[in-house]
C-alpha cells in the first residue's frame, strides 16, 4: 500500500498507547519498540513481498535482509525471526525449501535465528519475516532525530526498484541486475553499529516509500527539513538509464502522487527543474532492502566516512538538515 492509503487506514489505531510502548503507530517509525526494562527494549517488525528475482534462494535472502532492515533502522540488534509466507497449493516444495533456506542463512548473517513461522495457501508466492530485535531504550534511532545544521548521509545507492521492475520485463542486462542484487543482499547491520558508535539518533531505512517518501516522514517527525544535492546521490549502475526509459514501478507512481498532493501542494517539496526526469523519478522510486538515511551533528560528521571505511562499508554525504520543514532537491 502507498503512504496515503496507509495514513487513512491507520488514523483511528494511532489513539492506542501504553507507557512502555516507546515507538508505535503514533510515531510512524520503522518498527515498534517496547520497553522491557531500563536497559532493554524489544524491537518488532514484519515485512514480506512477492519475488523480486528469479532465483528462489536469493529471493529468500533478499526478503530477509529487507525485513531485518527495520530493526537496524531503529538502532537494534536482530535476535530471531519467524517466516511469513504464502504459496500456491501446487508450488514445488523444493523451491519453498530454497526460499526458506535463503532467509534462514541471511538471518544468521544478521546475528539471529529463524525460530518458526506461518504459511498460507495463496495465488501468488509471497515471503518475508516477522523480526524481533533488541535495543537500549535510550539508544533508539528515530525519524524525529534530525537537527538543523546536521549533515545528511545515505549508506546504499538508489535504483533497486527500477532495476527489478526492468528485469521483470527482460529490459536490463545481467550485470545491472547483479549489481542490484548485491546491494539488496547487503545488510544494514554494520551501518547501524557504526551509527551507534557515532551516537547518531536520527535515521530511517529507504524502502517502499522511496528516498523522498521516507525523507518526508523524517521532516514530519522532526520539524526540520532536508536539502538534498542531486549530484551527490549514489545510483546503481544502469538505474538512471532505465528510469529515463520509463521502466518505473507502481510504487514510484503512488509515492509521487501522494507527495506531490501533500508536501508539494503546500510548497514543502521543491525539486530543481534542471534535474533530469529520470533522476527525479528515482527520488520517488520504491527501494527493496535500501540503505540507511541518517543525519549527524556537524561536530561528528567528519568521522562518518572514516568510520564506514574501517568497516568496509560505503557511505555518501548527500545534503544537510535545514530549519524550514520542507524538502529541497537542488
Protein backbone atom coordinates (compact mmCIF):
# COMPACT_ATOMS: atom_id res chain seq x y z
CA UNK A 1 0.00 0.00 0.00
CA UNK A 2 1.10 3.56 -0.63
CA UNK A 3 1.76 6.13 2.12
CA UNK A 4 -1.55 7.93 1.57
CA UNK A 5 -3.62 4.75 1.83
CA UNK A 6 -1.81 3.65 4.99
CA UNK A 7 -2.29 7.06 6.60
CA UNK A 8 -6.05 6.84 6.13
CA UNK A 9 -6.36 3.24 7.33
CA UNK A 10 -4.27 3.71 10.49
CA UNK A 11 -5.70 7.03 11.69
CA UNK A 12 -8.01 5.57 14.35
CA UNK A 13 -5.47 2.99 15.56
CA UNK A 14 -2.99 5.74 16.47
CA UNK A 15 -5.10 6.59 19.52
CA UNK A 16 -3.98 3.41 21.27
CA UNK A 17 -0.93 3.60 23.50
CA UNK A 18 0.95 2.20 26.50
CA UNK A 19 3.61 3.78 28.73
CA UNK A 20 6.16 1.14 27.74
CA UNK A 21 5.39 1.37 24.01
CA UNK A 22 8.24 3.73 23.16
CA UNK A 23 7.58 3.68 19.42
CA UNK A 24 4.23 2.67 17.95
CA UNK A 25 1.65 3.78 15.41
CA UNK A 26 1.53 7.30 16.82
CA UNK A 27 5.16 7.83 15.78
CA UNK A 28 5.00 6.30 12.27
CA UNK A 29 8.53 4.96 12.58
CA UNK A 30 10.23 1.90 11.05
CA UNK A 31 9.39 -0.63 13.77
CA UNK A 32 7.63 -0.90 17.11
CA UNK A 33 9.76 -0.58 20.25
CA UNK A 34 8.52 -1.84 23.63
CA UNK A 35 10.46 -1.28 26.85
CA UNK A 36 11.10 -4.40 28.94
CA UNK A 37 13.42 -2.78 31.50
CA UNK A 38 15.58 0.30 31.93
CA UNK A 39 18.27 -1.45 29.88
CA UNK A 40 16.35 -3.44 27.27
CA UNK A 41 13.63 -2.69 24.76
CA UNK A 42 12.22 -5.10 22.17
CA UNK A 43 12.12 -4.05 18.51
CA UNK A 44 9.43 -5.72 16.40
CA UNK A 45 8.71 -5.52 12.67
CA UNK A 46 7.28 -7.58 9.81
CA UNK A 47 7.76 -7.38 6.04
CA UNK A 48 7.01 -9.67 3.09
CA UNK A 49 6.55 -9.35 -0.66
CA UNK A 50 6.32 -11.33 -3.93
CA UNK A 51 9.53 -12.43 -5.68
CA UNK A 52 11.81 -9.66 -6.92
CA UNK A 53 14.32 -12.06 -8.56
CA UNK A 54 14.01 -15.47 -10.23
CA UNK A 55 16.40 -17.49 -8.04
CA UNK A 56 14.45 -18.78 -5.00
CA UNK A 57 17.38 -18.83 -2.56
CA UNK A 58 18.36 -15.28 -3.48
CA UNK A 59 14.74 -14.15 -3.18
CA UNK A 60 14.57 -15.57 0.34
CA UNK A 61 17.82 -13.89 1.33
CA UNK A 62 16.73 -10.51 -0.06
CA UNK A 63 13.38 -10.75 1.72
CA UNK A 64 15.17 -11.47 4.99
CA UNK A 65 17.62 -8.60 4.54
CA UNK A 66 14.71 -6.29 3.82
CA UNK A 67 12.74 -7.47 6.87
CA UNK A 68 15.70 -7.12 9.24
CA UNK A 69 16.45 -3.65 7.92
CA UNK A 70 13.73 -2.05 10.04
CA UNK A 71 15.35 -3.41 13.21
CA UNK A 72 18.67 -1.92 12.14
CA UNK A 73 16.92 1.35 11.22
CA UNK A 74 15.83 1.63 14.86
CA UNK A 75 19.38 1.06 16.09
CA UNK A 76 18.69 -2.52 17.15
CA UNK A 77 20.30 -5.94 17.03
CA UNK A 78 18.43 -8.87 15.48
CA UNK A 79 17.52 -11.71 17.88
CA UNK A 80 15.21 -14.07 15.98
CA UNK A 81 12.66 -14.16 13.18
CA UNK A 82 9.52 -16.01 12.11
CA UNK A 83 8.80 -16.87 8.48
CA UNK A 84 5.64 -15.38 6.96
CA UNK A 85 4.77 -16.99 3.63
CA UNK A 86 2.06 -17.76 1.12
CA UNK A 87 2.36 -20.17 -1.82
CA UNK A 88 0.04 -21.75 -4.40
CA UNK A 89 -1.11 -25.24 -3.39
CA UNK A 90 0.91 -26.90 -6.17
CA UNK A 91 4.08 -24.82 -5.64
CA UNK A 92 7.18 -27.09 -5.68
CA UNK A 93 8.32 -27.98 -2.18
CA UNK A 94 11.96 -27.90 -3.16
CA UNK A 95 11.55 -24.28 -4.26
CA UNK A 96 9.90 -23.36 -0.95
CA UNK A 97 12.80 -25.02 0.87
CA UNK A 98 15.28 -22.91 -1.11
CA UNK A 99 13.39 -19.71 -0.28
CA UNK A 100 13.32 -20.58 3.41
CA UNK A 101 16.99 -21.55 3.25
CA UNK A 102 17.98 -18.20 1.80
CA UNK A 103 16.03 -16.42 4.50
CA UNK A 104 17.50 -18.52 7.31
CA UNK A 105 21.07 -18.03 6.12
CA UNK A 106 20.63 -14.27 5.84
CA UNK A 107 19.09 -14.05 9.32
CA UNK A 108 22.07 -16.00 10.65
CA UNK A 109 24.38 -13.50 8.94
CA UNK A 110 22.44 -10.77 10.75
CA UNK A 111 23.15 -12.38 14.11
CA UNK A 112 19.75 -14.03 14.59
CA UNK A 113 17.95 -17.32 14.05
CA UNK A 114 14.70 -18.33 12.33
CA UNK A 115 12.58 -19.87 15.09
CA UNK A 116 9.37 -20.79 13.25
CA UNK A 117 6.71 -19.15 11.14
CA UNK A 118 3.33 -19.40 9.44
CA UNK A 119 2.28 -20.25 5.88
CA UNK A 120 -0.98 -19.94 3.95
CA UNK A 121 -2.16 -21.02 0.52
CA UNK A 122 -2.08 -18.03 -1.83
CA UNK A 123 -2.42 -17.49 -5.56
CA UNK A 124 0.98 -15.75 -5.76
CA UNK A 125 4.18 -16.60 -3.86
CA UNK A 126 4.95 -14.24 -1.01
CA UNK A 127 7.69 -14.45 1.59
CA UNK A 128 9.08 -12.38 4.40
CA UNK A 129 9.65 -12.43 8.12
CA UNK A 130 8.50 -11.06 11.42
CA UNK A 131 11.73 -9.97 13.11
CA UNK A 132 12.41 -9.42 16.80
CA UNK A 133 15.39 -7.39 17.96
CA UNK A 134 16.66 -5.53 20.98
CA UNK A 135 17.93 -2.02 21.66
CA UNK A 136 18.75 0.09 24.70
CA UNK A 137 15.73 2.35 25.38
CA UNK A 138 17.95 5.44 25.29
CA UNK A 139 19.79 4.49 22.10
CA UNK A 140 16.90 4.16 19.66
CA UNK A 141 17.22 5.68 16.19
CA UNK A 142 14.10 7.67 15.30
CA UNK A 143 12.87 9.58 12.28
CA UNK A 144 12.40 12.61 14.52
CA UNK A 145 16.11 12.80 15.34
CA UNK A 146 17.02 15.37 12.68
CA UNK A 147 18.55 18.65 13.84
CA UNK A 148 19.11 21.82 11.83
CA UNK A 149 22.74 22.01 10.75
CA UNK A 150 23.23 18.24 10.77
CA UNK A 151 24.83 16.71 7.69
CA UNK A 152 22.85 14.09 5.76
CA UNK A 153 24.17 10.69 4.64
CA UNK A 154 22.97 7.61 2.74
CA UNK A 155 24.54 4.15 3.11
CA UNK A 156 23.39 2.45 -0.12
CA UNK A 157 22.84 3.61 -3.70
CA UNK A 158 19.37 4.09 -5.16
CA UNK A 159 17.94 2.06 -8.01
CA UNK A 160 16.85 -1.39 -6.85
CA UNK A 161 13.21 -0.65 -7.63
CA UNK A 162 13.70 0.45 -11.21
CA UNK A 163 16.17 -2.38 -11.92
CA UNK A 164 13.96 -5.17 -10.57
CA UNK A 165 11.00 -3.68 -12.44
CA UNK A 166 13.03 -3.69 -15.66
CA UNK A 167 14.21 -7.25 -15.01
CA UNK A 168 10.62 -8.47 -14.89
CA UNK A 169 10.23 -7.10 -18.41
CA UNK A 170 13.60 -8.53 -19.58
CA UNK A 171 14.72 -4.96 -20.11
CA UNK A 172 18.02 -4.88 -18.20
CA UNK A 173 21.29 -6.73 -18.63
CA UNK A 174 22.62 -9.36 -16.19
CA UNK A 175 25.41 -7.13 -14.90
CA UNK A 176 22.94 -4.39 -13.98
CA UNK A 177 20.67 -6.87 -12.21
CA UNK A 178 23.59 -8.44 -10.33
CA UNK A 179 24.59 -5.01 -9.06
CA UNK A 180 21.12 -4.51 -7.63
CA UNK A 181 21.08 -8.00 -6.10
CA UNK A 182 24.43 -7.38 -4.41
CA UNK A 183 23.07 -4.17 -2.91
CA UNK A 184 19.82 -5.78 -1.72
CA UNK A 185 21.72 -8.64 -0.08
CA UNK A 186 23.98 -6.33 1.91
CA UNK A 187 22.72 -5.93 5.46
CA UNK A 188 22.42 -2.62 7.28
CA UNK A 189 23.87 -4.29 10.39
CA UNK A 190 27.37 -2.82 10.10
CA UNK A 191 26.00 0.63 9.27
CA UNK A 192 23.87 0.55 12.42
CA UNK A 193 26.85 -0.45 14.55
CA UNK A 194 28.84 2.48 13.12
CA UNK A 195 25.99 4.88 13.85
CA UNK A 196 25.69 3.65 17.43
CA UNK A 197 29.42 4.31 17.88
CA UNK A 198 28.87 7.84 16.49
CA UNK A 199 25.90 8.37 18.85
CA UNK A 200 23.54 9.06 15.94
CA UNK A 201 19.82 9.33 16.75
CA UNK A 202 18.14 10.45 13.51
CA UNK A 203 17.81 7.63 10.97
CA UNK A 204 15.47 5.60 8.77
CA UNK A 205 15.87 3.00 6.04
CA UNK A 206 14.92 3.62 2.42
CA UNK A 207 12.40 1.02 1.30
CA UNK A 208 8.91 1.11 -0.19
CA UNK A 209 8.22 4.84 0.07
CA UNK A 210 11.48 5.80 -1.63
CA UNK A 211 14.07 8.42 -0.66
CA UNK A 212 11.62 11.32 -0.68
CA UNK A 213 8.81 9.38 0.99
CA UNK A 214 10.93 8.28 3.92
CA UNK A 215 12.65 11.65 3.97
CA UNK A 216 9.23 13.29 4.26
CA UNK A 217 8.48 11.12 7.29
CA UNK A 218 11.66 12.43 8.92
CA UNK A 219 10.64 16.00 8.15
CA UNK A 220 7.20 15.48 9.67
CA UNK A 221 8.58 13.76 12.77
CA UNK A 222 11.39 16.23 13.45
CA UNK A 223 10.02 19.58 12.31
CA UNK A 224 13.27 20.17 10.41
CA UNK A 225 13.85 19.91 6.66
CA UNK A 226 16.19 18.35 4.12
CA UNK A 227 18.37 19.96 1.47
CA UNK A 228 19.41 17.16 -0.91
CA UNK A 229 22.08 17.64 -3.57
CA UNK A 230 21.01 15.58 -6.59
CA UNK A 231 24.55 15.39 -7.98
CA UNK A 232 25.74 13.69 -4.78
CA UNK A 233 23.15 10.90 -4.83
CA UNK A 234 24.68 7.43 -5.31
CA UNK A 235 22.97 5.40 -8.04
CA UNK A 236 23.32 1.75 -9.02
CA UNK A 237 24.86 1.21 -12.45
CA UNK A 238 22.16 1.31 -15.11
CA UNK A 239 19.43 2.67 -12.85
CA UNK A 240 19.30 6.17 -14.33
CA UNK A 241 19.17 4.91 -17.93
CA UNK A 242 16.27 2.59 -17.07
CA UNK A 243 14.43 5.38 -15.28
CA UNK A 244 14.89 7.66 -18.28
CA UNK A 245 13.21 4.94 -20.38
CA UNK A 246 10.21 4.98 -18.04
CA UNK A 247 10.73 1.50 -16.57
CA UNK A 248 9.29 2.51 -13.20
CA UNK A 249 7.33 0.63 -10.57
CA UNK A 250 3.77 1.17 -9.47
CA UNK A 251 5.17 2.10 -6.06
CA UNK A 252 7.04 5.04 -7.58
CA UNK A 253 3.84 6.38 -9.10
CA UNK A 254 1.91 6.06 -5.82
CA UNK A 255 4.72 7.69 -3.86
CA UNK A 256 5.00 10.59 -6.28
CA UNK A 257 1.26 11.16 -6.45
CA UNK A 258 0.98 11.22 -2.66
CA UNK A 259 3.95 13.50 -2.00
CA UNK A 260 3.06 15.97 -4.73
CA UNK A 261 -0.51 16.21 -3.42
CA UNK A 262 0.60 16.73 0.19
CA UNK A 263 4.03 18.32 0.63
CA UNK A 264 4.08 19.60 -2.93
CA UNK A 265 0.69 21.29 -2.61
CA UNK A 266 1.94 23.14 0.47
CA UNK A 267 5.20 24.24 -1.15
CA UNK A 268 7.19 21.88 1.09
CA UNK A 269 8.60 19.76 -1.75
CA UNK A 270 10.71 21.74 -4.18
CA UNK A 271 12.74 19.97 -6.88
CA UNK A 272 15.03 21.95 -9.18
CA UNK A 273 13.61 21.87 -12.71
CA UNK A 274 17.12 21.37 -14.11
CA UNK A 275 17.27 17.84 -12.65
CA UNK A 276 16.60 15.18 -15.30
CA UNK A 277 13.17 13.50 -15.29
CA UNK A 278 14.76 10.09 -14.78
CA UNK A 279 16.65 11.19 -11.68
CA UNK A 280 13.52 12.84 -10.31
CA UNK A 281 11.69 9.53 -10.74
CA UNK A 282 14.42 7.72 -8.79
CA UNK A 283 13.85 10.10 -5.88
CA UNK A 284 10.31 8.73 -5.59
CA UNK A 285 11.04 5.13 -6.62
CA UNK A 286 10.40 2.33 -4.13
CA UNK A 287 13.52 0.52 -2.96
CA UNK A 288 14.00 -3.02 -1.66
CA UNK A 289 16.48 -3.51 1.19
CA UNK A 290 17.72 0.04 0.73
CA UNK A 291 20.27 1.87 2.82
CA UNK A 292 20.06 3.99 5.94
CA UNK A 293 19.33 7.70 5.60
CA UNK A 294 20.75 9.45 8.64
CA UNK A 295 21.90 12.80 9.95
CA UNK A 296 24.99 13.54 12.02
CA UNK A 297 25.72 16.69 14.04
CA UNK A 298 28.36 18.88 12.43
CA UNK A 299 30.96 18.19 15.13
CA UNK A 300 30.86 14.42 14.47
CA UNK A 301 30.14 14.40 10.73
CA UNK A 302 33.79 14.36 9.67
CA UNK A 303 34.17 10.96 11.38
CA UNK A 304 31.47 9.29 9.27
CA UNK A 305 33.47 8.49 6.13
CA UNK A 306 36.43 7.06 8.05
CA UNK A 307 34.20 5.03 10.37
CA UNK A 308 32.35 3.43 7.46
CA UNK A 309 35.60 2.82 5.58
CA UNK A 310 37.06 0.92 8.55
CA UNK A 311 34.08 -1.44 8.43
CA UNK A 312 34.37 -1.89 4.66
CA UNK A 313 31.01 -0.17 4.19
CA UNK A 314 30.15 2.53 1.64
CA UNK A 315 28.53 5.81 2.61
CA UNK A 316 27.72 9.04 0.79
CA UNK A 317 27.09 12.54 2.07
CA UNK A 318 24.04 13.79 0.14
CA UNK A 319 22.97 17.02 1.83
CA UNK A 320 22.15 18.75 5.06
CA UNK A 321 19.34 19.37 7.51
CA UNK A 322 17.72 22.80 7.33
CA UNK A 323 15.44 24.76 9.63
CA UNK A 324 12.49 25.00 7.21
CA UNK A 325 10.26 21.86 7.47
CA UNK A 326 10.45 21.08 3.76
CA UNK A 327 12.45 19.06 1.24
CA UNK A 328 14.52 20.91 -1.34
CA UNK A 329 16.35 18.96 -4.05
CA UNK A 330 18.91 21.04 -5.94
